[in-house]
Full PDB file with SEQRES, HELIX, SHEET, SSBOND, CRYST1, ORIGX, SCALE, CONECT and MASTER records, all heavy atoms in Angstrom:
SEQRES   1 A   33  VAL ILE GLN PRO GLY ASN ALA LEU ILE GLY ARG VAL LEU          
SEQRES   2 A   33  GLN ARG GLY VAL ASP ARG GLY GLU PHE ARG ALA ILE ASP          
SEQRES   3 A   33  MET LYS TYR GLY VAL TYR ILE                                  
HELIX    1 AA1 ILE A    2  ASP A   18  1                                  17    
HELIX    2 AA2 MET A   27  GLY A   30  1                                   4    
CRYST1    1.000    1.000    1.000  90.00  90.00  90.00 P 1           1          
ORIGX1      1.000000  0.000000  0.000000        0.00000                         
ORIGX2      0.000000  1.000000  0.000000        0.00000                         
ORIGX3      0.000000  0.000000  1.000000        0.00000                         
SCALE1      1.000000  0.000000  0.000000        0.00000                         
SCALE2      0.000000  1.000000  0.000000        0.00000                         
SCALE3      0.000000  0.000000  1.000000        0.00000                         
ATOM      1  N   VAL A   1      44.868 106.228-107.599  1.00  0.00           N  
ATOM      2  CA  VAL A   1      43.664 106.330-108.423  1.00  0.00           C  
ATOM      3  C   VAL A   1      43.938 105.947-109.874  1.00  0.00           C  
ATOM      4  O   VAL A   1      43.275 105.059-110.430  1.00  0.00           O  
ATOM      5  CB  VAL A   1      43.058 107.753-108.360  1.00  0.00           C  
ATOM      6  CG1 VAL A   1      41.846 107.865-109.280  1.00  0.00           C  
ATOM      7  CG2 VAL A   1      42.672 108.105-106.932  1.00  0.00           C  
ATOM      8  N   ILE A   2      44.906 106.613-110.498  1.00  0.00           N  
ATOM      9  CA  ILE A   2      45.116 106.409-111.929  1.00  0.00           C  
ATOM     10  C   ILE A   2      45.589 104.997-112.236  1.00  0.00           C  
ATOM     11  O   ILE A   2      45.022 104.317-113.104  1.00  0.00           O  
ATOM     12  CB  ILE A   2      46.111 107.456-112.477  1.00  0.00           C  
ATOM     13  CG1 ILE A   2      45.512 108.856-112.343  1.00  0.00           C  
ATOM     14  CG2 ILE A   2      46.451 107.149-113.935  1.00  0.00           C  
ATOM     15  CD1 ILE A   2      46.444 109.972-112.755  1.00  0.00           C  
ATOM     16  N   GLN A   3      46.620 104.532-111.543  1.00  0.00           N  
ATOM     17  CA  GLN A   3      47.150 103.198-111.840  1.00  0.00           C  
ATOM     18  C   GLN A   3      46.132 102.084-111.591  1.00  0.00           C  
ATOM     19  O   GLN A   3      45.901 101.251-112.480  1.00  0.00           O  
ATOM     20  CB  GLN A   3      48.441 102.955-111.045  1.00  0.00           C  
ATOM     21  CG  GLN A   3      49.615 103.776-111.548  1.00  0.00           C  
ATOM     22  CD  GLN A   3      50.899 103.487-110.784  1.00  0.00           C  
ATOM     23  OE1 GLN A   3      50.985 102.553-109.989  1.00  0.00           O  
ATOM     24  NE2 GLN A   3      51.908 104.299-111.018  1.00  0.00           N  
ATOM     25  N   PRO A   4      45.492 102.032-110.428  1.00  0.00           N  
ATOM     26  CA  PRO A   4      44.488 100.969-110.233  1.00  0.00           C  
ATOM     27  C   PRO A   4      43.266 101.139-111.129  1.00  0.00           C  
ATOM     28  O   PRO A   4      42.647 100.148-111.536  1.00  0.00           O  
ATOM     29  CB  PRO A   4      44.119 101.072-108.751  1.00  0.00           C  
ATOM     30  CG  PRO A   4      44.554 102.424-108.324  1.00  0.00           C  
ATOM     31  CD  PRO A   4      45.727 102.783-109.173  1.00  0.00           C  
ATOM     32  N   GLY A   5      42.906 102.381-111.465  1.00  0.00           N  
ATOM     33  CA  GLY A   5      41.783 102.599-112.367  1.00  0.00           C  
ATOM     34  C   GLY A   5      42.093 102.086-113.768  1.00  0.00           C  
ATOM     35  O   GLY A   5      41.277 101.399-114.393  1.00  0.00           O  
ATOM     36  N   ASN A   6      43.293 102.409-114.259  1.00  0.00           N  
ATOM     37  CA  ASN A   6      43.705 101.916-115.572  1.00  0.00           C  
ATOM     38  C   ASN A   6      43.786 100.393-115.582  1.00  0.00           C  
ATOM     39  O   ASN A   6      43.395  99.738-116.563  1.00  0.00           O  
ATOM     40  CB  ASN A   6      45.058 102.505-115.952  1.00  0.00           C  
ATOM     41  CG  ASN A   6      44.979 103.973-116.328  1.00  0.00           C  
ATOM     42  OD1 ASN A   6      43.935 104.604-116.173  1.00  0.00           O  
ATOM     43  ND2 ASN A   6      46.067 104.518-116.810  1.00  0.00           N  
ATOM     44  N   ALA A   7      44.292  99.827-114.485  1.00  0.00           N  
ATOM     45  CA  ALA A   7      44.422  98.372-114.412  1.00  0.00           C  
ATOM     46  C   ALA A   7      43.060  97.697-114.461  1.00  0.00           C  
ATOM     47  O   ALA A   7      42.884  96.667-115.131  1.00  0.00           O  
ATOM     48  CB  ALA A   7      45.163  97.975-113.136  1.00  0.00           C  
ATOM     49  N   LEU A   8      42.075  98.266-113.777  1.00  0.00           N  
ATOM     50  CA  LEU A   8      40.743  97.677-113.766  1.00  0.00           C  
ATOM     51  C   LEU A   8      40.096  97.752-115.150  1.00  0.00           C  
ATOM     52  O   LEU A   8      39.505  96.771-115.629  1.00  0.00           O  
ATOM     53  CB  LEU A   8      39.866  98.381-112.729  1.00  0.00           C  
ATOM     54  CG  LEU A   8      38.435  97.856-112.576  1.00  0.00           C  
ATOM     55  CD1 LEU A   8      38.425  96.359-112.286  1.00  0.00           C  
ATOM     56  CD2 LEU A   8      37.696  98.623-111.487  1.00  0.00           C  
ATOM     57  N   ILE A   9      40.205  98.894-115.805  1.00  0.00           N  
ATOM     58  CA  ILE A   9      39.662  99.010-117.157  1.00  0.00           C  
ATOM     59  C   ILE A   9      40.375  98.048-118.097  1.00  0.00           C  
ATOM     60  O   ILE A   9      39.757  97.401-118.950  1.00  0.00           O  
ATOM     61  CB  ILE A   9      39.790 100.460-117.662  1.00  0.00           C  
ATOM     62  CG1 ILE A   9      38.879 101.382-116.848  1.00  0.00           C  
ATOM     63  CG2 ILE A   9      39.424 100.539-119.153  1.00  0.00           C  
ATOM     64  CD1 ILE A   9      39.060 102.850-117.152  1.00  0.00           C  
ATOM     65  N   GLY A  10      41.705  97.919-117.916  1.00  0.00           N  
ATOM     66  CA  GLY A  10      42.463  96.975-118.724  1.00  0.00           C  
ATOM     67  C   GLY A  10      41.989  95.548-118.542  1.00  0.00           C  
ATOM     68  O   GLY A  10      41.925  94.767-119.504  1.00  0.00           O  
ATOM     69  N   ARG A  11      41.614  95.198-117.321  1.00  0.00           N  
ATOM     70  CA  ARG A  11      41.094  93.851-117.054  1.00  0.00           C  
ATOM     71  C   ARG A  11      39.770  93.622-117.791  1.00  0.00           C  
ATOM     72  O   ARG A  11      39.522  92.528-118.309  1.00  0.00           O  
ATOM     73  CB  ARG A  11      40.884  93.639-115.558  1.00  0.00           C  
ATOM     74  CG  ARG A  11      42.154  93.625-114.726  1.00  0.00           C  
ATOM     75  CD  ARG A  11      41.833  93.336-113.266  1.00  0.00           C  
ATOM     76  NE  ARG A  11      41.481  91.925-113.081  1.00  0.00           N  
ATOM     77  CZ  ARG A  11      40.929  91.437-111.975  1.00  0.00           C  
ATOM     78  NH1 ARG A  11      40.635  92.255-110.957  1.00  0.00           N  
ATOM     79  NH2 ARG A  11      40.654  90.142-111.874  1.00  0.00           N  
ATOM     80  N   VAL A  12      38.931  94.642-117.821  1.00  0.00           N  
ATOM     81  CA  VAL A  12      37.651  94.524-118.518  1.00  0.00           C  
ATOM     82  C   VAL A  12      37.889  94.289-120.011  1.00  0.00           C  
ATOM     83  O   VAL A  12      37.287  93.395-120.623  1.00  0.00           O  
ATOM     84  CB  VAL A  12      36.792  95.789-118.308  1.00  0.00           C  
ATOM     85  CG1 VAL A  12      35.526  95.726-119.158  1.00  0.00           C  
ATOM     86  CG2 VAL A  12      36.434  95.949-116.828  1.00  0.00           C  
ATOM     87  N   LEU A  13      38.773  95.085-120.590  1.00  0.00           N  
ATOM     88  CA  LEU A  13      39.051  94.951-122.018  1.00  0.00           C  
ATOM     89  C   LEU A  13      39.729  93.612-122.323  1.00  0.00           C  
ATOM     90  O   LEU A  13      39.382  92.947-123.310  1.00  0.00           O  
ATOM     91  CB  LEU A  13      39.932  96.109-122.495  1.00  0.00           C  
ATOM     92  CG  LEU A  13      39.308  97.512-122.378  1.00  0.00           C  
ATOM     93  CD1 LEU A  13      40.304  98.565-122.839  1.00  0.00           C  
ATOM     94  CD2 LEU A  13      38.018  97.614-123.173  1.00  0.00           C  
ATOM     95  N   GLN A  14      40.673  93.213-121.464  1.00  0.00           N  
ATOM     96  CA  GLN A  14      41.375  91.953-121.698  1.00  0.00           C  
ATOM     97  C   GLN A  14      40.428  90.768-121.572  1.00  0.00           C  
ATOM     98  O   GLN A  14      40.567  89.774-122.288  1.00  0.00           O  
ATOM     99  CB  GLN A  14      42.543  91.808-120.720  1.00  0.00           C  
ATOM    100  CG  GLN A  14      43.486  90.643-121.032  1.00  0.00           C  
ATOM    101  CD  GLN A  14      44.164  90.811-122.381  1.00  0.00           C  
ATOM    102  OE1 GLN A  14      44.777  91.837-122.652  1.00  0.00           O  
ATOM    103  NE2 GLN A  14      44.056  89.790-123.232  1.00  0.00           N  
ATOM    104  N   ARG A  15      39.466  90.868-120.680  1.00  0.00           N  
ATOM    105  CA  ARG A  15      38.451  89.812-120.547  1.00  0.00           C  
ATOM    106  C   ARG A  15      37.738  89.602-121.879  1.00  0.00           C  
ATOM    107  O   ARG A  15      37.504  88.481-122.327  1.00  0.00           O  
ATOM    108  CB  ARG A  15      37.450  90.192-119.458  1.00  0.00           C  
ATOM    109  CG  ARG A  15      36.302  89.184-119.226  1.00  0.00           C  
ATOM    110  CD  ARG A  15      35.353  89.783-118.204  1.00  0.00           C  
ATOM    111  NE  ARG A  15      34.341  88.845-117.711  1.00  0.00           N  
ATOM    112  CZ  ARG A  15      33.114  88.713-118.200  1.00  0.00           C  
ATOM    113  NH1 ARG A  15      32.758  89.460-119.250  1.00  0.00           N  
ATOM    114  NH2 ARG A  15      32.251  87.876-117.663  1.00  0.00           N  
ATOM    115  N   GLY A  16      37.375  90.729-122.519  1.00  0.00           N  
ATOM    116  CA  GLY A  16      36.700  90.631-123.796  1.00  0.00           C  
ATOM    117  C   GLY A  16      37.570  90.005-124.869  1.00  0.00           C  
ATOM    118  O   GLY A  16      37.097  89.209-125.689  1.00  0.00           O  
ATOM    119  N   VAL A  17      38.862  90.351-124.858  1.00  0.00           N  
ATOM    120  CA  VAL A  17      39.795  89.774-125.833  1.00  0.00           C  
ATOM    121  C   VAL A  17      39.944  88.276-125.582  1.00  0.00           C  
ATOM    122  O   VAL A  17      39.880  87.458-126.512  1.00  0.00           O  
ATOM    123  CB  VAL A  17      41.161  90.478-125.759  1.00  0.00           C  
ATOM    124  CG1 VAL A  17      42.188  89.764-126.650  1.00  0.00           C  
ATOM    125  CG2 VAL A  17      41.033  91.946-126.167  1.00  0.00           C  
ATOM    126  N   ASP A  18      40.142  87.906-124.325  1.00  0.00           N  
ATOM    127  CA  ASP A  18      40.362  86.493-123.984  1.00  0.00           C  
ATOM    128  C   ASP A  18      39.145  85.633-124.314  1.00  0.00           C  
ATOM    129  O   ASP A  18      39.291  84.446-124.633  1.00  0.00           O  
ATOM    130  CB  ASP A  18      40.699  86.350-122.496  1.00  0.00           C  
ATOM    131  CG  ASP A  18      42.042  86.975-122.143  1.00  0.00           C  
ATOM    132  OD1 ASP A  18      42.847  87.215-123.063  1.00  0.00           O  
ATOM    133  OD2 ASP A  18      42.285  87.235-120.940  1.00  0.00           O  
ATOM    134  N   ARG A  19      37.964  86.206-124.225  1.00  0.00           N  
ATOM    135  CA  ARG A  19      36.731  85.447-124.504  1.00  0.00           C  
ATOM    136  C   ARG A  19      36.312  85.515-125.975  1.00  0.00           C  
ATOM    137  O   ARG A  19      35.274  85.006-126.348  1.00  0.00           O  
ATOM    138  CB  ARG A  19      35.596  85.983-123.620  1.00  0.00           C  
ATOM    139  CG  ARG A  19      35.762  85.666-122.147  1.00  0.00           C  
ATOM    140  CD  ARG A  19      34.896  86.562-121.256  1.00  0.00           C  
ATOM    141  NE  ARG A  19      33.490  86.465-121.567  1.00  0.00           N  
ATOM    142  CZ  ARG A  19      32.567  85.859-120.786  1.00  0.00           C  
ATOM    143  NH1 ARG A  19      32.934  85.284-119.654  1.00  0.00           N  
ATOM    144  NH2 ARG A  19      31.303  85.849-121.133  1.00  0.00           N  
ATOM    145  N   GLY A  20      37.141  86.159-126.780  1.00  0.00           N  
ATOM    146  CA  GLY A  20      36.819  86.274-128.193  1.00  0.00           C  
ATOM    147  C   GLY A  20      35.706  87.253-128.498  1.00  0.00           C  
ATOM    148  O   GLY A  20      35.091  87.194-129.566  1.00  0.00           O  
ATOM    149  N   GLU A  21      35.434  88.183-127.571  1.00  0.00           N  
ATOM    150  CA  GLU A  21      34.358  89.156-127.764  1.00  0.00           C  
ATOM    151  C   GLU A  21      34.882  90.488-128.301  1.00  0.00           C  
ATOM    152  O   GLU A  21      34.147  91.215-128.985  1.00  0.00           O  
ATOM    153  CB  GLU A  21      33.632  89.388-126.438  1.00  0.00           C  
ATOM    154  CG  GLU A  21      32.988  88.142-125.876  1.00  0.00           C  
ATOM    155  CD  GLU A  21      32.507  88.322-124.443  1.00  0.00           C  
ATOM    156  OE1 GLU A  21      33.228  88.951-123.634  1.00  0.00           O  
ATOM    157  OE2 GLU A  21      31.412  87.829-124.147  1.00  0.00           O  
ATOM    158  N   PHE A  22      36.112  90.846-127.953  1.00  0.00           N  
ATOM    159  CA  PHE A  22      36.741  92.082-128.421  1.00  0.00           C  
ATOM    160  C   PHE A  22      37.963  91.739-129.261  1.00  0.00           C  
ATOM    161  O   PHE A  22      38.622  90.721-129.027  1.00  0.00           O  
ATOM    162  CB  PHE A  22      37.198  92.956-127.252  1.00  0.00           C  
ATOM    163  CG  PHE A  22      36.099  93.445-126.354  1.00  0.00           C  
ATOM    164  CD1 PHE A  22      36.394  93.918-125.080  1.00  0.00           C  
ATOM    165  CD2 PHE A  22      34.770  93.474-126.769  1.00  0.00           C  
ATOM    166  CE1 PHE A  22      35.403  94.379-124.232  1.00  0.00           C  
ATOM    167  CE2 PHE A  22      33.769  93.931-125.928  1.00  0.00           C  
ATOM    168  CZ  PHE A  22      34.082  94.387-124.660  1.00  0.00           C  
ATOM    169  N   ARG A  23      38.267  92.593-130.195  1.00  0.00           N  
ATOM    170  CA  ARG A  23      39.492  92.414-130.952  1.00  0.00           C  
ATOM    171  C   ARG A  23      40.681  92.870-130.105  1.00  0.00           C  
ATOM    172  O   ARG A  23      40.542  93.717-129.218  1.00  0.00           O  
ATOM    173  CB  ARG A  23      39.444  93.174-132.272  1.00  0.00           C  
ATOM    174  CG  ARG A  23      39.319  94.691-132.147  1.00  0.00           C  
ATOM    175  CD  ARG A  23      39.116  95.316-133.518  1.00  0.00           C  
ATOM    176  NE  ARG A  23      38.978  96.774-133.433  1.00  0.00           N  
ATOM    177  CZ  ARG A  23      40.005  97.611-133.443  1.00  0.00           C  
ATOM    178  NH1 ARG A  23      41.244  97.152-133.504  1.00  0.00           N  
ATOM    179  NH2 ARG A  23      39.789  98.911-133.385  1.00  0.00           N  
ATOM    180  N   ALA A  24      41.841  92.323-130.385  1.00  0.00           N  
ATOM    181  CA  ALA A  24      43.042  92.661-129.625  1.00  0.00           C  
ATOM    182  C   ALA A  24      43.473  94.099-129.934  1.00  0.00           C  
ATOM    183  O   ALA A  24      43.477  94.520-131.092  1.00  0.00           O  
ATOM    184  CB  ALA A  24      44.166  91.684-129.954  1.00  0.00           C  
ATOM    185  N   ILE A  25      43.804  94.851-128.889  1.00  0.00           N  
ATOM    186  CA  ILE A  25      44.278  96.222-129.054  1.00  0.00           C  
ATOM    187  C   ILE A  25      45.460  96.446-128.125  1.00  0.00           C  
ATOM    188  O   ILE A  25      45.752  95.621-127.258  1.00  0.00           O  
ATOM    189  CB  ILE A  25      43.167  97.252-128.727  1.00  0.00           C  
ATOM    190  CG1 ILE A  25      42.683  97.071-127.268  1.00  0.00           C  
ATOM    191  CG2 ILE A  25      42.000  97.140-129.695  1.00  0.00           C  
ATOM    192  CD1 ILE A  25      41.716  98.162-126.823  1.00  0.00           C  
ATOM    193  N   ASP A  26      46.128  97.566-128.297  1.00  0.00           N  
ATOM    194  CA  ASP A  26      47.214  97.965-127.403  1.00  0.00           C  
ATOM    195  C   ASP A  26      46.578  98.439-126.091  1.00  0.00           C  
ATOM    196  O   ASP A  26      46.011  99.529-126.030  1.00  0.00           O  
ATOM    197  CB  ASP A  26      48.025  99.091-128.046  1.00  0.00           C  
ATOM    198  CG  ASP A  26      49.222  99.520-127.206  1.00  0.00           C  
ATOM    199  OD1 ASP A  26      49.237  99.248-125.986  1.00  0.00           O  
ATOM    200  OD2 ASP A  26      50.136 100.131-127.768  1.00  0.00           O  
ATOM    201  N   MET A  27      46.677  97.626-125.053  1.00  0.00           N  
ATOM    202  CA  MET A  27      45.997  97.933-123.800  1.00  0.00           C  
ATOM    203  C   MET A  27      46.536  99.181-123.102  1.00  0.00           C  
ATOM    204  O   MET A  27      45.809  99.848-122.363  1.00  0.00           O  
ATOM    205  CB  MET A  27      46.082  96.732-122.852  1.00  0.00           C  
ATOM    206  CG  MET A  27      45.260  95.546-123.287  1.00  0.00           C  
ATOM    207  SD  MET A  27      43.504  95.946-123.406  1.00  0.00           S  
ATOM    208  CE  MET A  27      42.866  94.426-124.103  1.00  0.00           C  
ATOM    209  N   LYS A  28      47.801  99.501-123.327  1.00  0.00           N  
ATOM    210  CA  LYS A  28      48.367 100.695-122.695  1.00  0.00           C  
ATOM    211  C   LYS A  28      47.563 101.936-123.059  1.00  0.00           C  
ATOM    212  O   LYS A  28      47.320 102.821-122.227  1.00  0.00           O  
ATOM    213  CB  LYS A  28      49.830 100.866-123.115  1.00  0.00           C  
ATOM    214  CG  LYS A  28      50.488 102.118-122.547  1.00  0.00           C  
ATOM    215  CD  LYS A  28      51.937 102.237-122.980  1.00  0.00           C  
ATOM    216  CE  LYS A  28      52.569 103.513-122.425  1.00  0.00           C  
ATOM    217  NZ  LYS A  28      53.990 103.652-122.842  1.00  0.00           N  
ATOM    218  N   TYR A  29      47.170 102.001-124.330  1.00  0.00           N  
ATOM    219  CA  TYR A  29      46.402 103.149-124.796  1.00  0.00           C  
ATOM    220  C   TYR A  29      44.916 102.839-124.915  1.00  0.00           C  
ATOM    221  O   TYR A  29      44.081 103.754-124.933  1.00  0.00           O  
ATOM    222  CB  TYR A  29      46.956 103.630-126.142  1.00  0.00           C  
ATOM    223  CG  TYR A  29      48.388 104.092-126.041  1.00  0.00           C  
ATOM    224  CD1 TYR A  29      49.422 103.331-126.562  1.00  0.00           C  
ATOM    225  CD2 TYR A  29      48.708 105.274-125.390  1.00  0.00           C  
ATOM    226  CE1 TYR A  29      50.746 103.739-126.447  1.00  0.00           C  
ATOM    227  CE2 TYR A  29      50.027 105.696-125.268  1.00  0.00           C  
ATOM    228  CZ  TYR A  29      51.033 104.919-125.794  1.00  0.00           C  
ATOM    229  OH  TYR A  29      52.339 105.325-125.667  1.00  0.00           O  
ATOM    230  N   GLY A  30      44.593 101.562-124.989  1.00  0.00           N  
ATOM    231  CA  GLY A  30      43.192 101.190-125.100  1.00  0.00           C  
ATOM    232  C   GLY A  30      42.354 101.636-123.918  1.00  0.00           C  
ATOM    233  O   GLY A  30      41.174 101.980-124.079  1.00  0.00           O  
ATOM    234  N   VAL A  31      42.953 101.647-122.719  1.00  0.00           N  
ATOM    235  CA  VAL A  31      42.183 102.060-121.540  1.00  0.00           C  
ATOM    236  C   VAL A  31      41.685 103.496-121.655  1.00  0.00           C  
ATOM    237  O   VAL A  31      40.631 103.852-121.108  1.00  0.00           O  
ATOM    238  CB  VAL A  31      43.001 101.886-120.237  1.00  0.00           C  
ATOM    239  CG1 VAL A  31      43.333 100.429-119.994  1.00  0.00           C  
ATOM    240  CG2 VAL A  31      44.263 102.726-120.255  1.00  0.00           C  
ATOM    241  N   TYR A  32      42.423 104.320-122.418  1.00  0.00           N  
ATOM    242  CA  TYR A  32      42.018 105.724-122.537  1.00  0.00           C  
ATOM    243  C   TYR A  32      40.814 105.895-123.451  1.00  0.00           C  
ATOM    244  O   TYR A  32      40.154 106.944-123.409  1.00  0.00           O  
ATOM    245  CB  TYR A  32      43.198 106.569-123.019  1.00  0.00           C  
ATOM    246  CG  TYR A  32      44.300 106.626-121.990  1.00  0.00           C  
ATOM    247  CD1 TYR A  32      45.444 105.847-122.124  1.00  0.00           C  
ATOM    248  CD2 TYR A  32      44.183 107.426-120.853  1.00  0.00           C  
ATOM    249  CE1 TYR A  32      46.451 105.874-121.166  1.00  0.00           C  
ATOM    250  CE2 TYR A  32      45.171 107.456-119.886  1.00  0.00           C  
ATOM    251  CZ  TYR A  32      46.299 106.671-120.053  1.00  0.00           C  
ATOM    252  OH  TYR A  32      47.286 106.692-119.093  1.00  0.00           O  
ATOM    253  N   ILE A  33      40.523 104.877-124.269  1.00  0.00           N  
ATOM    254  CA  ILE A  33      39.291 104.905-125.052  1.00  0.00           C  
ATOM    255  C   ILE A  33      38.084 104.946-124.113  1.00  0.00           C  
ATOM    256  O   ILE A  33      37.093 105.622-124.373  1.00  0.00           O  
ATOM    257  CB  ILE A  33      39.208 103.668-125.968  1.00  0.00           C  
ATOM    258  CG1 ILE A  33      40.346 103.663-126.982  1.00  0.00           C  
ATOM    259  CG2 ILE A  33      37.847 103.606-126.677  1.00  0.00           C  
ATOM    260  CD1 ILE A  33      40.434 102.371-127.771  1.00  0.00           C  
TER     261      ILE A  33                                                      
MASTER        0    0    0    2    0    0    0    6  260    1    0    3          
END                                                                             
């Protein structure tokens, strides 16, 4: 649960970074936001 859940949220955030929609953050802790 935790690992795949964190990975999925990380993918959402990274998508935003890659598309220039979100600023770059530390994804390890960013998922907890």
